[in-house]
């Protein structure tokens, strides 16, 4: 939150109860929507109330569970955003 306070005009989007700053493209559609909107056309969430508070809060995603079988997943839930940002995995 310190960086958010120091960067005029910045926006802060958080996952409720989240503790990791690297959760984009991990299946939280709310977070991914904010990222996709920004990358697609520069849209930002509305600025929140007081300085240093989040401008948008997304519901926390459930903790991941290992797949029941060893088969590879057919598609990543963040595949659309990966294509948007040119991810080469």
PDB file of N, CA and C in Angstrom:
ATOM      1  N   UNK A   1       0.804  -1.179   0.000  1.00  0.00           N
ATOM      2  CA  UNK A   1       0.000   0.000   0.000  1.00  0.00           C
ATOM      3  C   UNK A   1       0.859   1.260   0.000  1.00  0.00           C
ATOM      4  N   UNK A   2       2.086   1.129   0.425  1.00  0.00           N
ATOM      5  CA  UNK A   2       2.964   2.296   0.431  1.00  0.00           C
ATOM      6  C   UNK A   2       3.167   2.808  -0.985  1.00  0.00           C
ATOM      7  N   UNK A   3       3.419   1.903  -1.923  1.00  0.00           N
ATOM      8  CA  UNK A   3       3.613   2.325  -3.314  1.00  0.00           C
ATOM      9  C   UNK A   3       2.356   3.008  -3.844  1.00  0.00           C
ATOM     10  N   UNK A   4       1.205   2.485  -3.493  1.00  0.00           N
ATOM     11  CA  UNK A   4      -0.069   3.076  -3.932  1.00  0.00           C
ATOM     12  C   UNK A   4      -0.202   4.505  -3.412  1.00  0.00           C
ATOM     13  N   UNK A   5       0.172   4.728  -2.158  1.00  0.00           N
ATOM     14  CA  UNK A   5       0.114   6.083  -1.593  1.00  0.00           C
ATOM     15  C   UNK A   5       1.094   7.022  -2.286  1.00  0.00           C
ATOM     16  N   UNK A   6       2.260   6.507  -2.654  1.00  0.00           N
ATOM     17  CA  UNK A   6       3.306   7.349  -3.235  1.00  0.00           C
ATOM     18  C   UNK A   6       3.103   7.637  -4.721  1.00  0.00           C
ATOM     19  N   UNK A   7       2.378   6.786  -5.421  1.00  0.00           N
ATOM     20  CA  UNK A   7       2.186   6.945  -6.866  1.00  0.00           C
ATOM     21  C   UNK A   7       0.864   7.643  -7.142  1.00  0.00           C
ATOM     22  N   UNK A   8       0.938   8.926  -7.403  1.00  0.00           N
ATOM     23  CA  UNK A   8      -0.279   9.703  -7.675  1.00  0.00           C
ATOM     24  C   UNK A   8      -1.026   9.107  -8.863  1.00  0.00           C
ATOM     25  N   UNK A   9      -2.334   8.973  -8.718  1.00  0.00           N
ATOM     26  CA  UNK A   9      -3.166   8.459  -9.804  1.00  0.00           C
ATOM     27  C   UNK A   9      -3.169   6.950  -9.931  1.00  0.00           C
ATOM     28  N   UNK A  10      -2.434   6.251  -9.057  1.00  0.00           N
ATOM     29  CA  UNK A  10      -2.399   4.792  -9.140  1.00  0.00           C
ATOM     30  C   UNK A  10      -3.705   4.208  -8.633  1.00  0.00           C
ATOM     31  N   UNK A  11      -3.941   2.948  -8.961  1.00  0.00           N
ATOM     32  CA  UNK A  11      -5.093   2.214  -8.463  1.00  0.00           C
ATOM     33  C   UNK A  11      -4.594   0.931  -7.819  1.00  0.00           C
ATOM     34  N   UNK A  12      -5.282   0.505  -6.776  1.00  0.00           N
ATOM     35  CA  UNK A  12      -4.923  -0.713  -6.076  1.00  0.00           C
ATOM     36  C   UNK A  12      -6.108  -1.657  -6.089  1.00  0.00           C
ATOM     37  N   UNK A  13      -5.900  -2.834  -6.663  1.00  0.00           N
ATOM     38  CA  UNK A  13      -6.924  -3.878  -6.702  1.00  0.00           C
ATOM     39  C   UNK A  13      -6.372  -5.050  -5.896  1.00  0.00           C
ATOM     40  N   UNK A  14      -7.142  -5.522  -4.929  1.00  0.00           N
ATOM     41  CA  UNK A  14      -6.670  -6.595  -4.060  1.00  0.00           C
ATOM     42  C   UNK A  14      -7.675  -7.738  -4.009  1.00  0.00           C
ATOM     43  N   UNK A  15      -7.165  -8.888  -3.603  1.00  0.00           N
ATOM     44  CA  UNK A  15      -8.014 -10.036  -3.331  1.00  0.00           C
ATOM     45  C   UNK A  15      -8.265 -10.044  -1.832  1.00  0.00           C
ATOM     46  N   UNK A  16      -9.516 -10.099  -1.415  1.00  0.00           N
ATOM     47  CA  UNK A  16      -9.878 -10.069  -0.005  1.00  0.00           C
ATOM     48  C   UNK A  16      -9.138 -11.172   0.739  1.00  0.00           C
ATOM     49  N   UNK A  17      -8.330 -10.791   1.711  1.00  0.00           N
ATOM     50  CA  UNK A  17      -7.590 -11.768   2.499  1.00  0.00           C
ATOM     51  C   UNK A  17      -6.365 -12.317   1.793  1.00  0.00           C
ATOM     52  N   UNK A  18      -6.093 -11.849   0.579  1.00  0.00           N
ATOM     53  CA  UNK A  18      -4.937 -12.338  -0.169  1.00  0.00           C
ATOM     54  C   UNK A  18      -3.644 -11.803   0.416  1.00  0.00           C
ATOM     55  N   UNK A  19      -2.578 -12.529   0.227  1.00  0.00           N
ATOM     56  CA  UNK A  19      -1.309 -12.083   0.759  1.00  0.00           C
ATOM     57  C   UNK A  19      -0.203 -12.111  -0.275  1.00  0.00           C
ATOM     58  N   UNK A  20      -0.542 -12.433  -1.495  1.00  0.00           N
ATOM     59  CA  UNK A  20       0.468 -12.576  -2.539  1.00  0.00           C
ATOM     60  C   UNK A  20       0.246 -11.498  -3.589  1.00  0.00           C
ATOM     61  N   UNK A  21       1.281 -10.784  -3.927  1.00  0.00           N
ATOM     62  CA  UNK A  21       1.141  -9.723  -4.925  1.00  0.00           C
ATOM     63  C   UNK A  21       1.150 -10.246  -6.358  1.00  0.00           C
ATOM     64  N   UNK A  22       1.388 -11.507  -6.558  1.00  0.00           N
ATOM     65  CA  UNK A  22       1.471 -12.068  -7.905  1.00  0.00           C
ATOM     66  C   UNK A  22       0.346 -13.031  -8.212  1.00  0.00           C
ATOM     67  N   UNK A  23      -0.909 -12.609  -8.065  1.00  0.00           N
ATOM     68  CA  UNK A  23      -2.016 -13.538  -8.253  1.00  0.00           C
ATOM     69  C   UNK A  23      -2.802 -13.308  -9.530  1.00  0.00           C
ATOM     70  N   UNK A  24      -2.393 -12.353 -10.339  1.00  0.00           N
ATOM     71  CA  UNK A  24      -3.074 -12.152 -11.617  1.00  0.00           C
ATOM     72  C   UNK A  24      -2.846 -13.381 -12.491  1.00  0.00           C
ATOM     73  N   UNK A  25      -3.789 -13.646 -13.359  1.00  0.00           N
ATOM     74  CA  UNK A  25      -3.727 -14.780 -14.282  1.00  0.00           C
ATOM     75  C   UNK A  25      -3.685 -16.124 -13.557  1.00  0.00           C
ATOM     76  N   UNK A  26      -4.306 -16.167 -12.384  1.00  0.00           N
ATOM     77  CA  UNK A  26      -4.334 -17.414 -11.623  1.00  0.00           C
ATOM     78  C   UNK A  26      -5.742 -17.949 -11.443  1.00  0.00           C
ATOM     79  N   UNK A  27      -6.691 -17.438 -12.230  1.00  0.00           N
ATOM     80  CA  UNK A  27      -8.038 -17.971 -12.192  1.00  0.00           C
ATOM     81  C   UNK A  27      -9.050 -17.130 -11.448  1.00  0.00           C
ATOM     82  N   UNK A  28      -8.645 -16.005 -10.832  1.00  0.00           N
ATOM     83  CA  UNK A  28      -9.619 -15.136 -10.170  1.00  0.00           C
ATOM     84  C   UNK A  28     -10.175 -14.209 -11.249  1.00  0.00           C
ATOM     85  N   UNK A  29     -11.391 -14.478 -11.700  1.00  0.00           N
ATOM     86  CA  UNK A  29     -11.951 -13.729 -12.832  1.00  0.00           C
ATOM     87  C   UNK A  29     -12.125 -12.250 -12.519  1.00  0.00           C
ATOM     88  N   UNK A  30     -12.381 -11.907 -11.269  1.00  0.00           N
ATOM     89  CA  UNK A  30     -12.516 -10.496 -10.896  1.00  0.00           C
ATOM     90  C   UNK A  30     -11.186  -9.770 -11.093  1.00  0.00           C
ATOM     91  N   UNK A  31     -10.104 -10.324 -10.547  1.00  0.00           N
ATOM     92  CA  UNK A  31      -8.786  -9.710 -10.712  1.00  0.00           C
ATOM     93  C   UNK A  31      -8.380  -9.670 -12.182  1.00  0.00           C
ATOM     94  N   UNK A  32      -8.590 -10.781 -12.868  1.00  0.00           N
ATOM     95  CA  UNK A  32      -8.211 -10.859 -14.280  1.00  0.00           C
ATOM     96  C   UNK A  32      -8.985  -9.850 -15.127  1.00  0.00           C
ATOM     97  N   UNK A  33     -10.246  -9.573 -14.757  1.00  0.00           N
ATOM     98  CA  UNK A  33     -11.047  -8.598 -15.502  1.00  0.00           C
ATOM     99  C   UNK A  33     -10.439  -7.197 -15.381  1.00  0.00           C
ATOM    100  N   UNK A  34     -10.020  -6.822 -14.178  1.00  0.00           N
ATOM    101  CA  UNK A  34      -9.384  -5.510 -14.006  1.00  0.00           C
ATOM    102  C   UNK A  34      -8.106  -5.417 -14.831  1.00  0.00           C
ATOM    103  N   UNK A  35      -7.312  -6.470 -14.834  1.00  0.00           N
ATOM    104  CA  UNK A  35      -6.075  -6.473 -15.619  1.00  0.00           C
ATOM    105  C   UNK A  35      -6.376  -6.408 -17.108  1.00  0.00           C
ATOM    106  N   UNK A  36      -7.323  -7.208 -17.574  1.00  0.00           N
ATOM    107  CA  UNK A  36      -7.676  -7.222 -19.000  1.00  0.00           C
ATOM    108  C   UNK A  36      -8.224  -5.871 -19.440  1.00  0.00           C
ATOM    109  N   UNK A  37      -9.068  -5.244 -18.620  1.00  0.00           N
ATOM    110  CA  UNK A  37      -9.605  -3.926 -18.960  1.00  0.00           C
ATOM    111  C   UNK A  37      -8.485  -2.909 -19.116  1.00  0.00           C
ATOM    112  N   UNK A  38      -7.533  -2.940 -18.206  1.00  0.00           N
ATOM    113  CA  UNK A  38      -6.421  -1.995 -18.274  1.00  0.00           C
ATOM    114  C   UNK A  38      -5.552  -2.247 -19.509  1.00  0.00           C
ATOM    115  N   UNK A  39      -5.233  -3.499 -19.760  1.00  0.00           N
ATOM    116  CA  UNK A  39      -4.377  -3.817 -20.904  1.00  0.00           C
ATOM    117  C   UNK A  39      -5.082  -3.573 -22.235  1.00  0.00           C
ATOM    118  N   UNK A  40      -6.374  -3.804 -22.283  1.00  0.00           N
ATOM    119  CA  UNK A  40      -7.117  -3.661 -23.533  1.00  0.00           C
ATOM    120  C   UNK A  40      -7.311  -2.200 -23.922  1.00  0.00           C
ATOM    121  N   UNK A  41      -7.676  -1.353 -22.957  1.00  0.00           N
ATOM    122  CA  UNK A  41      -7.960   0.036 -23.348  1.00  0.00           C
ATOM    123  C   UNK A  41      -7.653   1.066 -22.264  1.00  0.00           C
ATOM    124  N   UNK A  42      -6.870   0.688 -21.272  1.00  0.00           N
ATOM    125  CA  UNK A  42      -6.446   1.640 -20.250  1.00  0.00           C
ATOM    126  C   UNK A  42      -7.472   1.935 -19.174  1.00  0.00           C
ATOM    127  N   UNK A  43      -8.598   1.185 -19.157  1.00  0.00           N
ATOM    128  CA  UNK A  43      -9.627   1.425 -18.140  1.00  0.00           C
ATOM    129  C   UNK A  43      -9.105   1.096 -16.749  1.00  0.00           C
ATOM    130  N   UNK A  44      -9.368   1.996 -15.803  1.00  0.00           N
ATOM    131  CA  UNK A  44      -8.968   1.816 -14.415  1.00  0.00           C
ATOM    132  C   UNK A  44     -10.197   1.711 -13.529  1.00  0.00           C
ATOM    133  N   UNK A  45     -10.076   1.022 -12.379  1.00  0.00           N
ATOM    134  CA  UNK A  45     -11.196   1.032 -11.443  1.00  0.00           C
ATOM    135  C   UNK A  45     -11.351   2.437 -10.871  1.00  0.00           C
ATOM    136  N   UNK A  46     -12.549   2.741 -10.395  1.00  0.00           N
ATOM    137  CA  UNK A  46     -12.760   4.034  -9.735  1.00  0.00           C
ATOM    138  C   UNK A  46     -11.814   4.179  -8.573  1.00  0.00           C
ATOM    139  N   UNK A  47     -11.355   5.398  -8.363  1.00  0.00           N
ATOM    140  CA  UNK A  47     -10.482   5.648  -7.230  1.00  0.00           C
ATOM    141  C   UNK A  47     -11.275   5.494  -5.937  1.00  0.00           C
ATOM    142  N   UNK A  48     -10.678   4.808  -4.956  1.00  0.00           N
ATOM    143  CA  UNK A  48     -11.343   4.546  -3.688  1.00  0.00           C
ATOM    144  C   UNK A  48     -11.392   5.759  -2.789  1.00  0.00           C
ATOM    145  N   UNK A  49     -11.716   5.533  -1.551  1.00  0.00           N
ATOM    146  CA  UNK A  49     -11.881   6.608  -0.580  1.00  0.00           C
ATOM    147  C   UNK A  49     -10.573   7.252  -0.157  1.00  0.00           C
ATOM    148  N   UNK A  50     -10.043   6.832   0.967  1.00  0.00           N
ATOM    149  CA  UNK A  50      -8.867   7.469   1.535  1.00  0.00           C
ATOM    150  C   UNK A  50      -7.590   6.941   0.907  1.00  0.00           C
ATOM    151  N   UNK A  51      -6.549   7.754   0.966  1.00  0.00           N
ATOM    152  CA  UNK A  51      -5.252   7.354   0.407  1.00  0.00           C
ATOM    153  C   UNK A  51      -4.765   6.083   1.092  1.00  0.00           C
ATOM    154  N   UNK A  52      -4.241   5.180   0.302  1.00  0.00           N
ATOM    155  CA  UNK A  52      -3.691   3.949   0.839  1.00  0.00           C
ATOM    156  C   UNK A  52      -4.673   2.814   0.987  1.00  0.00           C
ATOM    157  N   UNK A  53      -5.943   3.040   0.642  1.00  0.00           N
ATOM    158  CA  UNK A  53      -6.907   1.942   0.698  1.00  0.00           C
ATOM    159  C   UNK A  53      -7.125   1.401  -0.710  1.00  0.00           C
ATOM    160  N   UNK A  54      -7.608   0.189  -0.782  1.00  0.00           N
ATOM    161  CA  UNK A  54      -7.829  -0.436  -2.077  1.00  0.00           C
ATOM    162  C   UNK A  54      -8.945   0.269  -2.843  1.00  0.00           C
ATOM    163  N   UNK A  55      -8.764   0.377  -4.150  1.00  0.00           N
ATOM    164  CA  UNK A  55      -9.785   0.956  -5.021  1.00  0.00           C
ATOM    165  C   UNK A  55     -10.808  -0.095  -5.432  1.00  0.00           C
ATOM    166  N   UNK A  56     -10.406  -1.353  -5.429  1.00  0.00           N
ATOM    167  CA  UNK A  56     -11.308  -2.459  -5.753  1.00  0.00           C
ATOM    168  C   UNK A  56     -10.863  -3.682  -4.963  1.00  0.00           C
ATOM    169  N   UNK A  57     -11.830  -4.424  -4.451  1.00  0.00           N
ATOM    170  CA  UNK A  57     -11.548  -5.637  -3.694  1.00  0.00           C
ATOM    171  C   UNK A  57     -12.297  -6.783  -4.349  1.00  0.00           C
ATOM    172  N   UNK A  58     -11.579  -7.819  -4.708  1.00  0.00           N
ATOM    173  CA  UNK A  58     -12.176  -9.006  -5.321  1.00  0.00           C
ATOM    174  C   UNK A  58     -12.293 -10.108  -4.274  1.00  0.00           C
ATOM    175  N   UNK A  59     -13.317 -10.928  -4.439  1.00  0.00           N
ATOM    176  CA  UNK A  59     -13.512 -12.064  -3.538  1.00  0.00           C
ATOM    177  C   UNK A  59     -12.321 -13.009  -3.649  1.00  0.00           C
ATOM    178  N   UNK A  60     -11.943 -13.562  -2.537  1.00  0.00           N
ATOM    179  CA  UNK A  60     -10.811 -14.481  -2.510  1.00  0.00           C
ATOM    180  C   UNK A  60     -11.161 -15.779  -3.235  1.00  0.00           C
ATOM    181  N   UNK A  61     -10.239 -16.249  -4.026  1.00  0.00           N
ATOM    182  CA  UNK A  61     -10.411 -17.532  -4.710  1.00  0.00           C
ATOM    183  C   UNK A  61     -10.196 -18.660  -3.711  1.00  0.00           C
ATOM    184  N   UNK A  62     -10.870 -19.784  -3.906  1.00  0.00           N
ATOM    185  CA  UNK A  62     -10.604 -20.920  -3.020  1.00  0.00           C
ATOM    186  C   UNK A  62      -9.178 -21.422  -3.226  1.00  0.00           C
ATOM    187  N   UNK A  63      -8.626 -22.013  -2.188  1.00  0.00           N
ATOM    188  CA  UNK A  63      -7.291 -22.589  -2.324  1.00  0.00           C
ATOM    189  C   UNK A  63      -7.319 -23.673  -3.396  1.00  0.00           C
ATOM    190  N   UNK A  64      -6.257 -23.776  -4.177  1.00  0.00           N
ATOM    191  CA  UNK A  64      -6.246 -24.785  -5.242  1.00  0.00           C
ATOM    192  C   UNK A  64      -6.200 -26.192  -4.668  1.00  0.00           C
ATOM    193  N   UNK A  65      -6.779 -27.110  -5.415  1.00  0.00           N
ATOM    194  CA  UNK A  65      -6.731 -28.516  -5.043  1.00  0.00           C
ATOM    195  C   UNK A  65      -6.044 -29.267  -6.166  1.00  0.00           C
ATOM    196  N   UNK A  66      -5.216 -30.230  -5.833  1.00  0.00           N
ATOM    197  CA  UNK A  66      -4.548 -30.993  -6.885  1.00  0.00           C
ATOM    198  C   UNK A  66      -5.567 -31.772  -7.704  1.00  0.00           C
ATOM    199  N   UNK A  67      -5.293 -31.957  -8.991  1.00  0.00           N
ATOM    200  CA  UNK A  67      -6.226 -32.726  -9.820  1.00  0.00           C
ATOM    201  C   UNK A  67      -6.311 -34.170  -9.334  1.00  0.00           C
ATOM    202  N   UNK A  68      -7.482 -34.775  -9.539  1.00  0.00           N
ATOM    203  CA  UNK A  68      -7.711 -36.150  -9.102  1.00  0.00           C
ATOM    204  C   UNK A  68      -6.868 -37.136  -9.912  1.00  0.00           C
ATOM    205  N   UNK A  69      -6.630 -36.801 -11.174  1.00  0.00           N
ATOM    206  CA  UNK A  69      -5.805 -37.688 -11.993  1.00  0.00           C
ATOM    207  C   UNK A  69      -4.574 -36.912 -12.453  1.00  0.00           C
ATOM    208  N   UNK A  70      -3.669 -37.600 -13.077  1.00  0.00           N
ATOM    209  CA  UNK A  70      -2.415 -36.996 -13.508  1.00  0.00           C
ATOM    210  C   UNK A  70      -2.494 -36.392 -14.901  1.00  0.00           C
ATOM    211  N   UNK A  71      -3.674 -36.404 -15.517  1.00  0.00           N
ATOM    212  CA  UNK A  71      -3.817 -35.873 -16.873  1.00  0.00           C
ATOM    213  C   UNK A  71      -3.553 -34.367 -16.884  1.00  0.00           C
ATOM    214  N   UNK A  72      -2.949 -33.902 -17.945  1.00  0.00           N
ATOM    215  CA  UNK A  72      -2.663 -32.472 -18.082  1.00  0.00           C
ATOM    216  C   UNK A  72      -3.966 -31.711 -18.298  1.00  0.00           C
ATOM    217  N   UNK A  73      -4.066 -30.501 -17.745  1.00  0.00           N
ATOM    218  CA  UNK A  73      -5.282 -29.711 -17.972  1.00  0.00           C
ATOM    219  C   UNK A  73      -5.421 -29.361 -19.447  1.00  0.00           C
ATOM    220  N   UNK A  74      -6.661 -29.226 -19.910  1.00  0.00           N
ATOM    221  CA  UNK A  74      -6.889 -28.937 -21.325  1.00  0.00           C
ATOM    222  C   UNK A  74      -6.654 -27.483 -21.661  1.00  0.00           C
ATOM    223  N   UNK A  75      -6.932 -26.572 -20.739  1.00  0.00           N
ATOM    224  CA  UNK A  75      -6.725 -25.145 -21.007  1.00  0.00           C
ATOM    225  C   UNK A  75      -6.557 -24.395 -19.699  1.00  0.00           C
ATOM    226  N   UNK A  76      -5.714 -23.407 -19.722  1.00  0.00           N
ATOM    227  CA  UNK A  76      -5.511 -22.560 -18.556  1.00  0.00           C
ATOM    228  C   UNK A  76      -6.680 -21.611 -18.414  1.00  0.00           C
ATOM    229  N   UNK A  77      -7.106 -21.356 -17.173  1.00  0.00           N
ATOM    230  CA  UNK A  77      -8.198 -20.409 -16.965  1.00  0.00           C
ATOM    231  C   UNK A  77      -7.765 -18.990 -17.320  1.00  0.00           C
ATOM    232  N   UNK A  78      -6.479 -18.732 -17.347  1.00  0.00           N
ATOM    233  CA  UNK A  78      -5.994 -17.407 -17.720  1.00  0.00           C
ATOM    234  C   UNK A  78      -5.547 -17.341 -19.167  1.00  0.00           C
ATOM    235  N   UNK A  79      -5.941 -18.329 -19.979  1.00  0.00           N
ATOM    236  CA  UNK A  79      -5.460 -18.418 -21.353  1.00  0.00           C
ATOM    237  C   UNK A  79      -5.774 -17.174 -22.178  1.00  0.00           C
ATOM    238  N   UNK A  80      -6.967 -16.613 -22.035  1.00  0.00           N
ATOM    239  CA  UNK A  80      -7.306 -15.412 -22.801  1.00  0.00           C
ATOM    240  C   UNK A  80      -6.384 -14.256 -22.453  1.00  0.00           C
ATOM    241  N   UNK A  81      -6.117 -14.060 -21.176  1.00  0.00           N
ATOM    242  CA  UNK A  81      -5.225 -12.973 -20.778  1.00  0.00           C
ATOM    243  C   UNK A  81      -3.788 -13.258 -21.193  1.00  0.00           C
ATOM    244  N   UNK A  82      -3.369 -14.502 -21.124  1.00  0.00           N
ATOM    245  CA  UNK A  82      -2.027 -14.843 -21.583  1.00  0.00           C
ATOM    246  C   UNK A  82      -1.862 -14.460 -23.049  1.00  0.00           C
ATOM    247  N   UNK A  83      -2.876 -14.733 -23.855  1.00  0.00           N
ATOM    248  CA  UNK A  83      -2.802 -14.361 -25.273  1.00  0.00           C
ATOM    249  C   UNK A  83      -2.766 -12.832 -25.422  1.00  0.00           C
ATOM    250  N   UNK A  84      -3.535 -12.131 -24.589  1.00  0.00           N
ATOM    251  CA  UNK A  84      -3.588 -10.679 -24.662  1.00  0.00           C
ATOM    252  C   UNK A  84      -2.232 -10.051 -24.374  1.00  0.00           C
ATOM    253  N   UNK A  85      -1.502 -10.586 -23.405  1.00  0.00           N
ATOM    254  CA  UNK A  85      -0.219 -10.002 -23.046  1.00  0.00           C
ATOM    255  C   UNK A  85       0.945 -10.662 -23.786  1.00  0.00           C
ATOM    256  N   UNK A  86       0.652 -11.615 -24.657  1.00  0.00           N
ATOM    257  CA  UNK A  86       1.701 -12.243 -25.455  1.00  0.00           C
ATOM    258  C   UNK A  86       2.517 -13.264 -24.694  1.00  0.00           C
ATOM    259  N   UNK A  87       1.922 -13.912 -23.695  1.00  0.00           N
ATOM    260  CA  UNK A  87       2.608 -14.919 -22.897  1.00  0.00           C
ATOM    261  C   UNK A  87       3.030 -16.091 -23.768  1.00  0.00           C
ATOM    262  N   UNK A  88       4.261 -16.507 -23.626  1.00  0.00           N
ATOM    263  CA  UNK A  88       4.759 -17.666 -24.362  1.00  0.00           C
ATOM    264  C   UNK A  88       5.203 -18.715 -23.334  1.00  0.00           C
ATOM    265  N   UNK A  89       4.339 -19.682 -23.063  1.00  0.00           N
ATOM    266  CA  UNK A  89       4.654 -20.664 -22.003  1.00  0.00           C
ATOM    267  C   UNK A  89       4.993 -22.002 -22.495  1.00  0.00           C
TER     268      UNK A  89
END
